Each structure stands twice: as C-alpha cells, then as structure tokens.
Protein backbone atom coordinates (compact mmCIF):
# COMPACT_ATOMS: atom_id res chain seq x y z
CA UNK A 1 41.70 -12.98 18.26
CA UNK A 2 40.21 -10.25 20.60
CA UNK A 3 40.76 -7.60 18.08
CA UNK A 4 39.25 -9.49 15.29
CA UNK A 5 36.25 -10.29 17.31
CA UNK A 6 35.87 -6.68 18.20
CA UNK A 7 35.95 -5.65 14.68
CA UNK A 8 33.27 -8.14 13.77
CA UNK A 9 31.10 -6.95 16.77
CA UNK A 10 31.61 -3.26 15.56
CA UNK A 11 30.63 -4.11 12.04
CA UNK A 12 27.73 -6.03 13.11
CA UNK A 13 26.58 -3.19 15.31
CA UNK A 14 26.81 -0.68 12.40
CA UNK A 15 24.64 -3.19 10.23
CA UNK A 16 22.17 -3.44 12.77
CA UNK A 17 22.17 0.37 13.30
CA UNK A 18 21.70 0.80 9.41
CA UNK A 19 18.89 -1.61 9.35
CA UNK A 20 16.99 0.18 12.22
CA UNK A 21 17.32 3.54 10.65
CA UNK A 22 15.94 2.38 7.36
CA UNK A 23 13.10 0.74 9.08
CA UNK A 24 12.46 3.72 11.43
CA UNK A 25 12.63 6.18 8.33
CA UNK A 26 10.13 3.80 6.60
CA UNK A 27 7.64 3.91 9.27
CA UNK A 28 8.06 7.74 9.75
CA UNK A 29 7.45 8.30 5.96
CA UNK A 30 4.68 5.95 5.86
CA UNK A 31 2.84 7.81 8.66
CA UNK A 32 3.60 10.98 6.79
CA UNK A 33 2.28 9.68 3.49
CA UNK A 34 -1.21 9.36 5.28
CA UNK A 35 -1.59 13.19 5.23
CA UNK A 36 -1.54 13.85 1.61
CA UNK A 37 -3.47 10.61 0.88
CA UNK A 38 -6.36 11.90 3.28
CA UNK A 39 -6.14 15.34 2.03
CA UNK A 40 -6.45 14.08 -1.77
CA UNK A 41 -9.30 11.87 -0.78
CA UNK A 42 -11.23 14.76 0.93
CA UNK A 43 -10.72 17.02 -2.06
CA UNK A 44 -11.80 14.26 -4.45
CA UNK A 45 -14.92 13.67 -2.45
CA UNK A 46 -15.70 17.39 -2.05
CA UNK A 47 -15.08 18.27 -5.57
CA UNK A 48 -16.26 15.10 -7.10
CA UNK A 49 -13.34 15.25 -9.59
CA UNK A 50 -12.84 11.38 -9.68
CA UNK A 51 -16.60 10.72 -9.99
CA UNK A 52 -16.69 13.33 -12.75
CA UNK A 53 -14.55 10.98 -14.99
CA UNK A 54 -16.22 8.04 -16.77
CA UNK A 55 -15.08 4.53 -15.41
CA UNK A 56 -13.04 3.88 -18.38
CA UNK A 57 -11.12 7.32 -18.37
CA UNK A 58 -10.66 7.04 -14.59
CA UNK A 59 -9.09 3.65 -15.13
CA UNK A 60 -6.69 5.10 -17.58
CA UNK A 61 -5.82 8.12 -15.48
CA UNK A 62 -5.16 5.81 -12.56
CA UNK A 63 -3.03 3.36 -14.33
CA UNK A 64 -1.01 6.02 -16.23
CA UNK A 65 -0.71 8.30 -13.03
CA UNK A 66 0.29 5.33 -10.77
CA UNK A 67 3.03 4.00 -12.99
CA UNK A 68 4.26 7.40 -13.91
CA UNK A 69 4.72 8.36 -10.42
CA UNK A 70 6.32 4.97 -9.59
CA UNK A 71 8.83 5.63 -12.38
CA UNK A 72 9.61 9.01 -10.94
CA UNK A 73 10.05 7.77 -7.52
CA UNK A 74 12.42 5.20 -8.77
CA UNK A 75 14.37 7.75 -10.48
CA UNK A 76 14.55 10.14 -7.46
CA UNK A 77 14.80 7.90 -4.49
CA UNK A 78 18.29 8.73 -3.84
CA UNK A 79 17.88 12.52 -4.23
CA UNK A 80 16.29 15.12 -2.32
CA UNK A 81 13.35 15.10 -4.63
CA UNK A 82 12.48 11.45 -3.67
CA UNK A 83 10.23 12.31 -0.58
CA UNK A 84 8.40 15.15 -2.29
CA UNK A 85 7.67 12.99 -5.36
CA UNK A 86 6.48 10.16 -3.13
CA UNK A 87 4.18 12.52 -1.12
CA UNK A 88 2.78 13.74 -4.46
CA UNK A 89 2.04 10.26 -5.39
CA UNK A 90 0.13 9.47 -2.27
CA UNK A 91 -1.99 12.73 -3.00
CA UNK A 92 -2.79 11.49 -6.32
CA UNK A 93 -3.67 8.09 -4.80
CA UNK A 94 -6.02 9.78 -2.54
CA UNK A 95 -7.67 11.57 -5.32
CA UNK A 96 -8.20 8.29 -7.10
CA UNK A 97 -9.71 6.60 -4.01
CA UNK A 98 -12.45 9.40 -3.81
CA UNK A 99 -14.83 7.63 -6.21
CA UNK A 100 -14.95 4.51 -3.97
CA UNK A 101 -15.22 6.71 -0.88
CA UNK A 102 -17.92 8.76 -2.16
CA UNK A 103 -20.03 5.70 -3.08
CA UNK A 104 -19.56 4.32 0.31
CA UNK A 105 -20.16 7.56 2.19
CA UNK A 106 -23.39 7.92 0.15
CA UNK A 107 -24.83 4.98 2.08
CA UNK A 108 -26.55 5.46 5.53
CA UNK A 109 -23.92 3.68 7.50
CA UNK A 110 -20.97 4.86 5.10
CA UNK A 111 -18.98 6.65 7.75
CA UNK A 112 -18.81 3.32 10.01
CA UNK A 113 -17.86 1.24 7.00
CA UNK A 114 -14.86 3.67 6.17
CA UNK A 115 -13.93 3.54 9.95
CA UNK A 116 -14.25 -0.32 10.04
CA UNK A 117 -11.98 -0.57 6.74
CA UNK A 118 -9.57 1.62 8.43
CA UNK A 119 -9.39 -0.38 11.63
CA UNK A 120 -9.21 -3.62 9.57
CA UNK A 121 -6.28 -2.13 7.54
CA UNK A 122 -4.57 -1.11 10.90
CA UNK A 123 -4.97 -4.60 12.47
CA UNK A 124 -3.45 -6.14 9.27
CA UNK A 125 -0.53 -3.67 9.23
CA UNK A 126 0.44 -4.16 12.86
CA UNK A 127 -0.19 -7.93 12.59
CA UNK A 128 2.19 -8.26 9.68
CA UNK A 129 4.70 -5.83 11.23
CA UNK A 130 4.80 -7.83 14.08
CA UNK A 131 5.23 -11.13 12.29
CA UNK A 132 8.08 -9.51 10.39
CA UNK A 133 10.00 -8.92 13.50
CA UNK A 134 9.86 -12.47 14.87
CA UNK A 135 10.02 -14.58 11.68
CA UNK A 136 13.63 -15.67 11.25
CA UNK A 137 13.05 -17.37 7.79
CA UNK A 138 14.22 -15.56 4.55
CA UNK A 139 11.08 -14.52 2.74
CA UNK A 140 12.86 -13.42 -0.52
CA UNK A 141 11.41 -16.33 -2.63
CA UNK A 142 7.77 -15.44 -1.48
CA UNK A 143 8.21 -12.16 -3.12
CA UNK A 144 8.36 -13.93 -6.59
CA UNK A 145 5.17 -15.82 -6.11
CA UNK A 146 3.53 -12.73 -4.68
CA UNK A 147 4.58 -10.63 -7.80
CA UNK A 148 3.01 -13.20 -10.13
CA UNK A 149 -0.12 -13.30 -8.03
CA UNK A 150 -0.41 -9.54 -8.15
CA UNK A 151 0.09 -9.41 -11.87
CA UNK A 152 -2.59 -12.13 -12.41
CA UNK A 153 -4.86 -10.23 -10.06
CA UNK A 154 -4.33 -7.08 -11.85
CA UNK A 155 -5.12 -8.66 -15.15
CA UNK A 156 -8.37 -10.21 -13.75
CA UNK A 157 -9.58 -6.96 -12.31
CA UNK A 158 -8.99 -4.99 -15.49
CA UNK A 159 -10.92 -7.85 -17.26
CA UNK A 160 -13.70 -7.74 -14.61
CA UNK A 161 -14.00 -3.96 -15.45
CA UNK A 162 -15.56 -5.05 -18.66
CA UNK A 163 -17.29 -8.14 -17.48
CA UNK A 164 -18.85 -6.54 -14.36
CA UNK A 165 -19.29 -9.57 -12.34
CA UNK A 166 -20.23 -8.83 -8.62
CA UNK A 167 -19.16 -12.56 -7.71
CA UNK A 168 -15.87 -12.16 -9.39
CA UNK A 169 -15.37 -8.78 -7.93
CA UNK A 170 -15.86 -10.11 -4.36
CA UNK A 171 -13.37 -13.04 -5.08
CA UNK A 172 -10.77 -10.77 -6.43
CA UNK A 173 -11.13 -8.33 -3.37
CA UNK A 174 -10.64 -11.05 -0.97
CA UNK A 175 -7.59 -12.41 -3.00
CA UNK A 176 -6.14 -8.83 -3.10
CA UNK A 177 -6.35 -8.51 0.72
CA UNK A 178 -4.65 -11.74 1.13
CA UNK A 179 -1.87 -10.94 -1.38
CA UNK A 180 -1.16 -7.46 -0.26
CA UNK A 181 -1.24 -8.28 3.40
CA UNK A 182 1.50 -10.88 2.68
CA UNK A 183 3.34 -8.17 0.67
CA UNK A 184 3.46 -6.05 3.73
CA UNK A 185 5.14 -8.87 5.64
CA UNK A 186 7.62 -9.58 2.75
CA UNK A 187 8.61 -5.87 2.36
CA UNK A 188 9.00 -5.04 5.89
CA UNK A 189 11.05 -8.36 6.33
CA UNK A 190 13.42 -7.23 3.46
CA UNK A 191 14.12 -4.08 5.46
CA UNK A 192 14.92 -5.87 8.70
CA UNK A 193 17.08 -8.40 6.91
CA UNK A 194 19.08 -5.63 5.20
CA UNK A 195 17.91 -6.60 1.70
CA UNK A 196 16.13 -3.30 1.13
CA UNK A 197 18.24 -0.32 2.27
CA UNK A 198 16.33 2.62 0.60
CA UNK A 199 13.57 3.76 2.85
CA UNK A 200 11.79 5.51 0.13
CA UNK A 201 11.46 2.33 -2.05
CA UNK A 202 10.49 0.36 1.22
CA UNK A 203 7.86 3.05 2.01
CA UNK A 204 6.24 2.90 -1.58
CA UNK A 205 5.89 -0.85 -1.29
CA UNK A 206 4.31 -0.83 2.12
CA UNK A 207 2.06 2.16 1.17
CA UNK A 208 0.84 0.53 -2.02
CA UNK A 209 0.00 -2.69 -0.05
CA UNK A 210 -1.93 -0.90 2.62
CA UNK A 211 -3.64 1.34 0.09
CA UNK A 212 -4.97 -1.90 -1.66
CA UNK A 213 -5.87 -3.62 1.49
CA UNK A 214 -7.87 -0.57 2.64
CA UNK A 215 -9.64 -0.05 -0.72
CA UNK A 216 -10.63 -3.82 -1.06
CA UNK A 217 -11.82 -3.96 2.36
CA UNK A 218 -13.90 -0.94 1.75
CA UNK A 219 -15.25 -2.44 -1.31
CA UNK A 220 -16.26 -5.66 0.35
CA UNK A 221 -17.83 -3.83 3.35
CA UNK A 222 -19.84 -1.57 0.72
CA UNK A 223 -20.99 -4.62 -1.08
CA UNK A 224 -21.77 -6.75 1.90
CA UNK A 225 -22.70 -4.32 4.57
CA UNK A 226 -23.92 -1.07 2.98
CA UNK A 227 -27.33 0.25 3.81
CA UNK A 228 -29.03 2.53 1.34
CA UNK A 229 -31.97 3.35 3.65
C-alpha cells in the first residue's frame, strides 16, 4: 500500500514538474518574442515598408505571411528550428503592425496612446494569467466557442475592409479584445492542466492573442482618443 502510494506520489510530482516546465518555458519564450516584434515594428515605422503597400496588398501579405509562418511553426515545433521560426514570425508581425503604429504615432498624443495600449494589454495578460492559475474548472469546451467566434470575427473584419464602416470597426475591435482575452485564459489553462505540452505551440497561441488585444486596443484608442492638433 505504502509503496503504491509512493509510486503515485512520484508520478504526480513528475507530471506537475512537467507542467511547470512547459509553463515556465512558455512565459520565457513569450517575453523573448517581444524583442523581434518591437524590432520589426520599429523598422516598419522607420522605413515605411508596411505603409508603402496598398491596403489590399497589405492584407494579402499579412494573411499569407501569417498563415505561412503558422504552418512552418507547426511543422518545426518539435525540432531545433522551432524557436527561430517562431521568432521570425514575431518579427514579421511587428512589421505588419507598423502601419497602425505609424498612423497613431502621427497623432499629437500618439506616444501616449501606444503606451496606454501597451499598459492595457499588460493588465489583461496578468489578469488572465492569474485567473488561469486559480480556476479549477476545465475550460476545454470554451475553446471551441472561442474558435468559432474568432473565425466569424475574421470574416467580419475582412468584409469591413471593403465596407469601411467606422461603427462596425469599433464593434469588432471591442469583440476582438474580449475574444482574445479569453483565449489567453484558455491557452494558459491548457498548459497548467497538462493538455498542451509543447511550449512553442503554447507561446504561439498566447502571442497571437496578445498581439490582437494590443492592436485592437490601439485602434480603439486611435479612433476615440486621438488628437491631430
């Protein structure tokens, strides 16, 4: 009896250690991914490479590049190339963010708006991370509804690219912040529950959610609080 209990205790400790290791590596890689993102955004703003593309071409490049990189990350996530490919992806995403950043930074209070969006994203991340560590309920089912919501949101955003409705853009940005905030909670909970065991995949999911929360917060602040004087 005692030997069996000891074996179970040892096995449970090993599982807990594995989960903590994946979570720790996820946080580490997530922090590291911010470096190429900022670098890509800075280069994009300084060179105007993203702004030089027409909105239509920019959308095609963004979608093709993003899905291409995500496919490559999935294929290399268990190899030594996984981390470099992920970091290259975050650099690309930084470049693609440069158009929005350039518009907001062109406003009189642009720097303040960027810092506010950054702080807001940080608050959301730490809030969701804290919740993921205390919620005991299995959130796996929530992921299905979030995915459906994300697909519908993407379709609506592409449609609004042609419609150009400011009211719809504001609505979609608010919905995006809500959906991707919940995705952060969902993805971190999957790691803590041992459902997601690959830290590269986990980092990709949380990074995309953070990226979308920041971009949509910045867009809302630019629309509602921007000053061109």
